[in-house]
Amino acid sequence: MTVGELSVVVHRNAEILAAAAAARLMVRIVDAQQARGSASIVLTGGGVGIGTLKALAASPAREAIDWGAVDIWWGDERYLAAGDPERNEVQANEALLDHVPVDPARVHRMPADTGREPESAAEQYADELSKAARPGSGLPRFDVLMLGVGPEGHVASIFPESPAAYDEGLVCAVRNCPKPPPTRVSLTFGTITSADEVWLLAAGAGKAEAVGLALAGAGRVQIPAAGARGGVRTLWLVDEEAAVNVPPELRLRRS
């Protein structure tokens, strides 16, 4: 695995953090479209993740994006029935996707619970990733893959010491999650680390310990956020409260 540069940017609070992440995401999408004609991003749920999408929807600068040429994926999903308000895709629709002219064929939603086993849903999403793969690769190109960070250090639905932390496939079913809902579908470390850029979003004092441990070199099984690295760049976007344990030499700037 190629590991790119590591950066940490500290913002004053969660609202400013979400707005700044939205601005960065717009620039990254436009840059990718200018370079290749299209862009590919992986969305996350959570307060800051959805806040970022809301800020993007509210920005007039969103018009600079060719939304029909954006592939949209998810890092994980709650394995619930279609339309359940707890599903990440439902929240993303309300925050952003219902407000921009995306191409439905390029919005790659993780399967909903229809009564089948979550392992089947994981296999289906892995097949979709493979069908969109770059030549010579088993995965699509991800320009930006965004991840929220849990208070215990989980990313996507990879929780500390869980089987998902060891899974070597592209996508895995996750059972018995320590926070509800207990059943989910998640990208694995192998898929996450294939992204050009991985952005980790964290706000609030409850995330400070996990952020500090991840940046101090913890193992990815114990602190999964430590294993979320991009091939070109890994960018931590955090607020002041989440950054209290970040070494000063790692901070790029404040806003």
C-alpha atoms as a PDB file:
ATOM      1  CA  MET A   1       0.000   0.000   0.000  1.00  0.00           C
ATOM      2  CA  THR A   2       1.275   3.439  -0.936  1.00  0.00           C
ATOM      3  CA  VAL A   3       0.778   5.970   1.843  1.00  0.00           C
ATOM      4  CA  GLY A   4       0.682   9.661   1.008  1.00  0.00           C
ATOM      5  CA  GLU A   5       1.258  12.753   3.078  1.00  0.00           C
ATOM      6  CA  LEU A   6      -0.523  13.262   6.393  1.00  0.00           C
ATOM      7  CA  SER A   7      -2.105  16.617   7.275  1.00  0.00           C
ATOM      8  CA  VAL A   8      -4.207  17.851  10.184  1.00  0.00           C
ATOM      9  CA  VAL A   9      -6.334  20.995   9.920  1.00  0.00           C
ATOM     10  CA  VAL A  10      -7.998  22.337  13.052  1.00  0.00           C
ATOM     11  CA  HIS A  11     -11.142  24.454  12.811  1.00  0.00           C
ATOM     12  CA  ARG A  12     -12.824  26.438  15.557  1.00  0.00           C
ATOM     13  CA  ASN A  13     -16.033  24.404  15.811  1.00  0.00           C
ATOM     14  CA  ALA A  14     -18.091  21.746  14.060  1.00  0.00           C
ATOM     15  CA  GLU A  15     -20.087  24.196  11.950  1.00  0.00           C
ATOM     16  CA  ILE A  16     -16.979  25.870  10.550  1.00  0.00           C
ATOM     17  CA  LEU A  17     -15.397  22.458  10.061  1.00  0.00           C
ATOM     18  CA  ALA A  18     -18.349  21.252   7.956  1.00  0.00           C
ATOM     19  CA  ALA A  19     -18.333  24.423   5.849  1.00  0.00           C
ATOM     20  CA  ALA A  20     -14.582  24.161   5.273  1.00  0.00           C
ATOM     21  CA  ALA A  21     -14.840  20.478   4.347  1.00  0.00           C
ATOM     22  CA  ALA A  22     -17.593  21.325   1.848  1.00  0.00           C
ATOM     23  CA  ALA A  23     -15.435  24.001   0.250  1.00  0.00           C
ATOM     24  CA  ARG A  24     -12.499  21.615  -0.003  1.00  0.00           C
ATOM     25  CA  LEU A  25     -14.706  18.932  -1.509  1.00  0.00           C
ATOM     26  CA  MET A  26     -16.040  21.282  -4.182  1.00  0.00           C
ATOM     27  CA  VAL A  27     -12.519  22.225  -5.205  1.00  0.00           C
ATOM     28  CA  ARG A  28     -11.385  18.605  -5.297  1.00  0.00           C
ATOM     29  CA  ILE A  29     -14.350  17.545  -7.449  1.00  0.00           C
ATOM     30  CA  VAL A  30     -13.848  20.404  -9.902  1.00  0.00           C
ATOM     31  CA  ASP A  31     -10.122  19.674 -10.139  1.00  0.00           C
ATOM     32  CA  ALA A  32     -10.806  16.005 -10.881  1.00  0.00           C
ATOM     33  CA  GLN A  33     -13.383  16.873 -13.517  1.00  0.00           C
ATOM     34  CA  GLN A  34     -11.014  19.289 -15.204  1.00  0.00           C
ATOM     35  CA  ALA A  35      -8.306  16.624 -15.241  1.00  0.00           C
ATOM     36  CA  ARG A  36     -10.373  13.582 -16.277  1.00  0.00           C
ATOM     37  CA  GLY A  37     -13.887  14.758 -17.075  1.00  0.00           C
ATOM     38  CA  SER A  38     -15.378  13.090 -14.000  1.00  0.00           C
ATOM     39  CA  ALA A  39     -14.914  12.693 -10.259  1.00  0.00           C
ATOM     40  CA  SER A  40     -15.591   9.945  -7.753  1.00  0.00           C
ATOM     41  CA  ILE A  41     -16.284  10.500  -4.049  1.00  0.00           C
ATOM     42  CA  VAL A  42     -17.189   8.307  -1.098  1.00  0.00           C
ATOM     43  CA  LEU A  43     -19.641   9.768   1.405  1.00  0.00           C
ATOM     44  CA  THR A  44     -19.939   9.265   5.133  1.00  0.00           C
ATOM     45  CA  GLY A  45     -22.744   9.723   7.614  1.00  0.00           C
ATOM     46  CA  GLY A  46     -22.523  11.229  11.082  1.00  0.00           C
ATOM     47  CA  GLY A  47     -22.990  14.775  12.242  1.00  0.00           C
ATOM     48  CA  VAL A  48     -20.027  16.349  10.476  1.00  0.00           C
ATOM     49  CA  GLY A  49     -20.391  14.181   7.379  1.00  0.00           C
ATOM     50  CA  ILE A  50     -24.017  15.157   6.835  1.00  0.00           C
ATOM     51  CA  GLY A  51     -23.239  18.726   7.901  1.00  0.00           C
ATOM     52  CA  THR A  52     -20.651  18.857   5.118  1.00  0.00           C
ATOM     53  CA  LEU A  53     -23.262  17.791   2.563  1.00  0.00           C
ATOM     54  CA  LYS A  54     -25.713  20.404   3.856  1.00  0.00           C
ATOM     55  CA  ALA A  55     -23.048  23.094   3.566  1.00  0.00           C
ATOM     56  CA  LEU A  56     -22.287  21.962   0.032  1.00  0.00           C
ATOM     57  CA  ALA A  57     -25.969  22.114  -0.921  1.00  0.00           C
ATOM     58  CA  ALA A  58     -26.242  25.639   0.515  1.00  0.00           C
ATOM     59  CA  SER A  59     -23.223  26.997  -1.354  1.00  0.00           C
ATOM     60  CA  PRO A  60     -23.738  28.861  -4.646  1.00  0.00           C
ATOM     61  CA  ALA A  61     -20.321  27.494  -5.668  1.00  0.00           C
ATOM     62  CA  ARG A  62     -21.889  24.037  -6.080  1.00  0.00           C
ATOM     63  CA  GLU A  63     -22.885  25.233  -9.568  1.00  0.00           C
ATOM     64  CA  ALA A  64     -19.241  24.879 -10.608  1.00  0.00           C
ATOM     65  CA  ILE A  65     -19.613  21.102 -10.344  1.00  0.00           C
ATOM     66  CA  ASP A  66     -20.897  18.980 -13.225  1.00  0.00           C
ATOM     67  CA  TRP A  67     -23.082  16.816 -11.021  1.00  0.00           C
ATOM     68  CA  GLY A  68     -23.902  14.452 -13.862  1.00  0.00           C
ATOM     69  CA  ALA A  69     -20.223  13.493 -13.978  1.00  0.00           C
ATOM     70  CA  VAL A  70     -19.785  12.583 -10.311  1.00  0.00           C
ATOM     71  CA  ASP A  71     -19.757   8.983  -9.107  1.00  0.00           C
ATOM     72  CA  ILE A  72     -21.031   8.753  -5.544  1.00  0.00           C
ATOM     73  CA  TRP A  73     -20.296   5.819  -3.257  1.00  0.00           C
ATOM     74  CA  TRP A  74     -20.703   5.142   0.479  1.00  0.00           C
ATOM     75  CA  GLY A  75     -18.158   3.984   3.025  1.00  0.00           C
ATOM     76  CA  ASP A  76     -20.757   2.098   5.030  1.00  0.00           C
ATOM     77  CA  GLU A  77     -24.471   1.751   5.534  1.00  0.00           C
ATOM     78  CA  ARG A  78     -26.896   0.761   8.239  1.00  0.00           C
ATOM     79  CA  TYR A  79     -28.512  -2.482   7.078  1.00  0.00           C
ATOM     80  CA  LEU A  80     -32.084  -1.288   7.384  1.00  0.00           C
ATOM     81  CA  ALA A  81     -35.098  -1.198   5.091  1.00  0.00           C
ATOM     82  CA  ALA A  82     -35.088   1.221   2.169  1.00  0.00           C
ATOM     83  CA  GLY A  83     -36.245   4.658   3.238  1.00  0.00           C
ATOM     84  CA  ASP A  84     -35.370   4.207   6.897  1.00  0.00           C
ATOM     85  CA  PRO A  85     -34.294   7.647   8.190  1.00  0.00           C
ATOM     86  CA  GLU A  86     -31.285   6.087   9.923  1.00  0.00           C
ATOM     87  CA  ARG A  87     -29.758   5.009   6.611  1.00  0.00           C
ATOM     88  CA  ASN A  88     -26.809   7.133   5.510  1.00  0.00           C
ATOM     89  CA  GLU A  89     -28.144   7.361   1.961  1.00  0.00           C
ATOM     90  CA  VAL A  90     -31.498   8.742   3.140  1.00  0.00           C
ATOM     91  CA  GLN A  91     -29.728  11.431   5.140  1.00  0.00           C
ATOM     92  CA  ALA A  92     -27.439  12.203   2.192  1.00  0.00           C
ATOM     93  CA  ASN A  93     -30.457  12.542  -0.092  1.00  0.00           C
ATOM     94  CA  GLU A  94     -32.087  15.045   2.244  1.00  0.00           C
ATOM     95  CA  ALA A  95     -28.867  16.978   2.797  1.00  0.00           C
ATOM     96  CA  LEU A  96     -27.579  17.163  -0.778  1.00  0.00           C
ATOM     97  CA  LEU A  97     -28.461  14.616  -3.436  1.00  0.00           C
ATOM     98  CA  ASP A  98     -32.113  15.636  -3.784  1.00  0.00           C
ATOM     99  CA  HIS A  99     -30.953  19.194  -4.491  1.00  0.00           C
ATOM    100  CA  VAL A 100     -28.388  18.667  -7.260  1.00  0.00           C
ATOM    101  CA  PRO A 101     -28.735  17.066 -10.738  1.00  0.00           C
ATOM    102  CA  VAL A 102     -26.842  13.838 -10.100  1.00  0.00           C
ATOM    103  CA  ASP A 103     -27.020  10.987 -12.599  1.00  0.00           C
ATOM    104  CA  PRO A 104     -28.972   8.229 -10.794  1.00  0.00           C
ATOM    105  CA  ALA A 105     -26.861   5.600 -12.564  1.00  0.00           C
ATOM    106  CA  ARG A 106     -23.752   7.057 -10.930  1.00  0.00           C
ATOM    107  CA  VAL A 107     -25.156   7.085  -7.382  1.00  0.00           C
ATOM    108  CA  HIS A 108     -24.021   3.752  -5.970  1.00  0.00           C
ATOM    109  CA  ARG A 109     -26.162   3.074  -2.923  1.00  0.00           C
ATOM    110  CA  MET A 110     -25.436   0.152  -0.631  1.00  0.00           C
ATOM    111  CA  PRO A 111     -28.278  -2.401  -0.656  1.00  0.00           C
ATOM    112  CA  ALA A 112     -31.102  -2.089   1.833  1.00  0.00           C
ATOM    113  CA  ASP A 113     -32.382  -4.890   4.029  1.00  0.00           C
ATOM    114  CA  THR A 114     -34.933  -6.950   2.113  1.00  0.00           C
ATOM    115  CA  GLY A 115     -34.809  -9.944   4.408  1.00  0.00           C
ATOM    116  CA  ARG A 116     -31.650 -11.497   3.007  1.00  0.00           C
ATOM    117  CA  GLU A 117     -28.387 -11.883   4.879  1.00  0.00           C
ATOM    118  CA  PRO A 118     -26.106  -8.824   5.016  1.00  0.00           C
ATOM    119  CA  GLU A 119     -23.300 -10.901   3.517  1.00  0.00           C
ATOM    120  CA  SER A 120     -25.304 -11.037   0.293  1.00  0.00           C
ATOM    121  CA  ALA A 121     -25.618  -7.257   0.288  1.00  0.00           C
ATOM    122  CA  ALA A 122     -21.855  -6.929   0.833  1.00  0.00           C
ATOM    123  CA  GLU A 123     -21.189  -9.240  -2.122  1.00  0.00           C
ATOM    124  CA  GLN A 124     -23.543  -7.202  -4.302  1.00  0.00           C
ATOM    125  CA  TYR A 125     -21.749  -3.956  -3.469  1.00  0.00           C
ATOM    126  CA  ALA A 126     -18.357  -5.573  -4.046  1.00  0.00           C
ATOM    127  CA  ASP A 127     -19.580  -6.625  -7.499  1.00  0.00           C
ATOM    128  CA  GLU A 128     -20.645  -3.052  -8.218  1.00  0.00           C
ATOM    129  CA  LEU A 129     -17.222  -1.775  -7.216  1.00  0.00           C
ATOM    130  CA  SER A 130     -15.551  -4.356  -9.442  1.00  0.00           C
ATOM    131  CA  LYS A 131     -17.699  -3.427 -12.441  1.00  0.00           C
ATOM    132  CA  ALA A 132     -16.592   0.191 -12.097  1.00  0.00           C
ATOM    133  CA  ALA A 133     -12.929  -0.697 -11.549  1.00  0.00           C
ATOM    134  CA  ARG A 134     -10.094   0.980 -13.371  1.00  0.00           C
ATOM    135  CA  PRO A 135      -8.179  -1.174 -15.864  1.00  0.00           C
ATOM    136  CA  GLY A 136      -5.654  -3.261 -13.997  1.00  0.00           C
ATOM    137  CA  SER A 137      -7.327  -2.608 -10.663  1.00  0.00           C
ATOM    138  CA  GLY A 138     -10.119  -4.322  -8.790  1.00  0.00           C
ATOM    139  CA  LEU A 139     -11.557  -0.990  -7.622  1.00  0.00           C
ATOM    140  CA  PRO A 140     -12.756   2.317  -9.033  1.00  0.00           C
ATOM    141  CA  ARG A 141     -10.700   5.425  -8.563  1.00  0.00           C
ATOM    142  CA  PHE A 142     -11.820   7.375  -5.483  1.00  0.00           C
ATOM    143  CA  ASP A 143     -10.696  10.998  -5.552  1.00  0.00           C
ATOM    144  CA  VAL A 144     -11.899  11.618  -1.993  1.00  0.00           C
ATOM    145  CA  LEU A 145     -13.123   9.103   0.570  1.00  0.00           C
ATOM    146  CA  MET A 146     -14.623  10.751   3.639  1.00  0.00           C
ATOM    147  CA  LEU A 147     -14.920   9.048   7.004  1.00  0.00           C
ATOM    148  CA  GLY A 148     -16.383  10.038  10.317  1.00  0.00           C
ATOM    149  CA  VAL A 149     -14.491   8.947  13.424  1.00  0.00           C
ATOM    150  CA  GLY A 150     -16.281   7.370  16.357  1.00  0.00           C
ATOM    151  CA  PRO A 151     -15.404   8.083  19.983  1.00  0.00           C
ATOM    152  CA  GLU A 152     -13.778   4.657  20.240  1.00  0.00           C
ATOM    153  CA  GLY A 153     -11.934   5.172  16.950  1.00  0.00           C
ATOM    154  CA  HIS A 154     -14.175   3.347  14.484  1.00  0.00           C
ATOM    155  CA  VAL A 155     -14.356   4.408  10.841  1.00  0.00           C
ATOM    156  CA  ALA A 156     -16.999   3.291   8.329  1.00  0.00           C
ATOM    157  CA  SER A 157     -18.390   0.322  10.273  1.00  0.00           C
ATOM    158  CA  ILE A 158     -15.000  -1.076  11.261  1.00  0.00           C
ATOM    159  CA  PHE A 159     -15.041  -1.124  15.052  1.00  0.00           C
ATOM    160  CA  PRO A 160     -12.062  -1.853  17.318  1.00  0.00           C
ATOM    161  CA  GLU A 161     -11.164  -5.534  17.576  1.00  0.00           C
ATOM    162  CA  SER A 162     -14.034  -6.499  15.256  1.00  0.00           C
ATOM    163  CA  PRO A 163     -13.892  -9.129  12.472  1.00  0.00           C
ATOM    164  CA  ALA A 164     -14.251  -6.291   9.955  1.00  0.00           C
ATOM    165  CA  ALA A 165     -10.811  -5.042  10.987  1.00  0.00           C
ATOM    166  CA  TYR A 166      -9.330  -8.274   9.635  1.00  0.00           C
ATOM    167  CA  ASP A 167     -11.512  -8.720   6.544  1.00  0.00           C
ATOM    168  CA  GLU A 168      -9.528  -8.956   3.310  1.00  0.00           C
ATOM    169  CA  GLY A 169     -12.412  -8.576   0.872  1.00  0.00           C
ATOM    170  CA  LEU A 170     -13.650  -5.364  -0.742  1.00  0.00           C
ATOM    171  CA  VAL A 171     -16.838  -5.045   1.311  1.00  0.00           C
ATOM    172  CA  CYS A 172     -17.922  -6.848   4.447  1.00  0.00           C
ATOM    173  CA  ALA A 173     -21.050  -7.507   6.427  1.00  0.00           C
ATOM    174  CA  VAL A 174     -20.807  -6.281  10.014  1.00  0.00           C
ATOM    175  CA  ARG A 175     -22.840  -7.905  12.780  1.00  0.00           C
ATOM    176  CA  ASN A 176     -23.156  -7.142  16.484  1.00  0.00           C
ATOM    177  CA  CYS A 177     -21.953  -3.552  16.237  1.00  0.00           C
ATOM    178  CA  PRO A 178     -21.481  -2.002  19.685  1.00  0.00           C
ATOM    179  CA  LYS A 179     -23.765   0.893  18.688  1.00  0.00           C
ATOM    180  CA  PRO A 180     -27.156   0.602  16.994  1.00  0.00           C
ATOM    181  CA  PRO A 181     -28.148  -0.539  14.511  1.00  0.00           C
ATOM    182  CA  PRO A 182     -26.142  -3.716  15.069  1.00  0.00           C
ATOM    183  CA  THR A 183     -26.045  -4.900  11.458  1.00  0.00           C
ATOM    184  CA  ARG A 184     -24.260  -2.951   8.716  1.00  0.00           C
ATOM    185  CA  VAL A 185     -22.358  -3.167   5.462  1.00  0.00           C
ATOM    186  CA  SER A 186     -18.912  -1.559   5.248  1.00  0.00           C
ATOM    187  CA  LEU A 187     -15.961  -1.016   2.983  1.00  0.00           C
ATOM    188  CA  THR A 188     -12.855  -2.777   4.274  1.00  0.00           C
ATOM    189  CA  PHE A 189      -9.422  -1.336   4.963  1.00  0.00           C
ATOM    190  CA  GLY A 190      -8.223  -2.603   1.590  1.00  0.00           C
ATOM    191  CA  THR A 191     -10.881  -0.609  -0.230  1.00  0.00           C
ATOM    192  CA  ILE A 192     -10.558   2.467   1.979  1.00  0.00           C
ATOM    193  CA  THR A 193      -6.794   2.695   1.497  1.00  0.00           C
ATOM    194  CA  SER A 194      -7.146   2.473  -2.290  1.00  0.00           C
ATOM    195  CA  ALA A 195      -8.499   6.057  -2.339  1.00  0.00           C
ATOM    196  CA  ASP A 196      -6.302   8.897  -3.540  1.00  0.00           C
ATOM    197  CA  GLU A 197      -7.324  11.016  -0.570  1.00  0.00           C
ATOM    198  CA  VAL A 198      -8.864   9.878   2.710  1.00  0.00           C
ATOM    199  CA  TRP A 199     -10.451  12.614   4.827  1.00  0.00           C
ATOM    200  CA  LEU A 200     -11.239  11.905   8.478  1.00  0.00           C
ATOM    201  CA  LEU A 201     -13.800  14.225  10.068  1.00  0.00           C
ATOM    202  CA  ALA A 202     -14.074  14.565  13.837  1.00  0.00           C
ATOM    203  CA  ALA A 203     -15.690  17.146  16.107  1.00  0.00           C
ATOM    204  CA  GLY A 204     -16.295  17.324  19.827  1.00  0.00           C
ATOM    205  CA  ALA A 205     -14.443  16.460  22.998  1.00  0.00           C
ATOM    206  CA  GLY A 206     -15.732  12.892  22.832  1.00  0.00           C
ATOM    207  CA  LYS A 207     -13.531  12.243  19.800  1.00  0.00           C
ATOM    208  CA  ALA A 208     -10.334  13.700  21.254  1.00  0.00           C
ATOM    209  CA  GLU A 209      -8.909  10.495  22.688  1.00  0.00           C
ATOM    210  CA  ALA A 210      -9.473   8.504  19.495  1.00  0.00           C
ATOM    211  CA  VAL A 211      -7.990  11.268  17.340  1.00  0.00           C
ATOM    212  CA  GLY A 212      -4.936  11.514  19.543  1.00  0.00           C
ATOM    213  CA  LEU A 213      -4.349   7.759  19.608  1.00  0.00           C
ATOM    214  CA  ALA A 214      -4.783   7.405  15.864  1.00  0.00           C
ATOM    215  CA  LEU A 215      -2.250  10.142  15.175  1.00  0.00           C
ATOM    216  CA  ALA A 216       0.141   8.742  17.771  1.00  0.00           C
ATOM    217  CA  GLY A 217       0.535   5.537  15.781  1.00  0.00           C
ATOM    218  CA  ALA A 218      -1.985   3.151  17.320  1.00  0.00           C
ATOM    219  CA  GLY A 219      -2.663  -0.110  15.497  1.00  0.00           C
ATOM    220  CA  ARG A 220      -5.615  -0.187  13.164  1.00  0.00           C
ATOM    221  CA  VAL A 221      -7.250  -3.136  14.901  1.00  0.00           C
ATOM    222  CA  GLN A 222      -7.311  -1.256  18.213  1.00  0.00           C
ATOM    223  CA  ILE A 223      -8.066   2.168  16.670  1.00  0.00           C
ATOM    224  CA  PRO A 224      -9.418   1.671  13.127  1.00  0.00           C
ATOM    225  CA  ALA A 225      -9.045   5.373  12.308  1.00  0.00           C
ATOM    226  CA  ALA A 226      -5.286   4.821  12.455  1.00  0.00           C
ATOM    227  CA  GLY A 227      -5.528   2.482   9.465  1.00  0.00           C
ATOM    228  CA  ALA A 228      -7.500   4.835   7.216  1.00  0.00           C
ATOM    229  CA  ARG A 229      -4.790   6.237   4.958  1.00  0.00           C
ATOM    230  CA  GLY A 230      -4.953   7.603   1.429  1.00  0.00           C
ATOM    231  CA  GLY A 231      -2.507   6.745  -1.334  1.00  0.00           C
ATOM    232  CA  VAL A 232      -1.841  10.420  -2.115  1.00  0.00           C
ATOM    233  CA  ARG A 233      -3.018  12.188   1.021  1.00  0.00           C
ATOM    234  CA  THR A 234      -4.587  11.595   4.409  1.00  0.00           C
ATOM    235  CA  LEU A 235      -6.341  14.674   5.725  1.00  0.00           C
ATOM    236  CA  TRP A 236      -7.682  15.007   9.250  1.00  0.00           C
ATOM    237  CA  LEU A 237     -10.296  17.763   9.545  1.00  0.00           C
ATOM    238  CA  VAL A 238     -11.080  18.334  13.215  1.00  0.00           C
ATOM    239  CA  ASP A 239     -12.424  21.012  15.515  1.00  0.00           C
ATOM    240  CA  GLU A 240     -10.681  22.488  18.532  1.00  0.00           C
ATOM    241  CA  GLU A 241     -12.299  20.141  21.020  1.00  0.00           C
ATOM    242  CA  ALA A 242     -11.339  17.017  19.062  1.00  0.00           C
ATOM    243  CA  ALA A 243      -7.800  18.323  18.539  1.00  0.00           C
ATOM    244  CA  VAL A 244      -6.659  18.686  22.128  1.00  0.00           C
ATOM    245  CA  ASN A 245      -4.368  15.642  21.863  1.00  0.00           C
ATOM    246  CA  VAL A 246      -3.003  16.447  18.395  1.00  0.00           C
ATOM    247  CA  PRO A 247       0.731  17.244  18.532  1.00  0.00           C
ATOM    248  CA  PRO A 248       1.307  20.915  17.632  1.00  0.00           C
ATOM    249  CA  GLU A 249       3.778  19.981  14.886  1.00  0.00           C
ATOM    250  CA  LEU A 250       1.034  18.144  12.988  1.00  0.00           C
ATOM    251  CA  ARG A 251      -1.375  21.070  12.804  1.00  0.00           C
ATOM    252  CA  LEU A 252      -1.450  22.909   9.488  1.00  0.00           C
ATOM    253  CA  ARG A 253      -3.575  25.881  10.464  1.00  0.00           C
ATOM    254  CA  ARG A 254      -6.639  27.023  12.369  1.00  0.00           C
ATOM    255  CA  SER A 255      -9.776  28.785  11.199  1.00  0.00           C
END
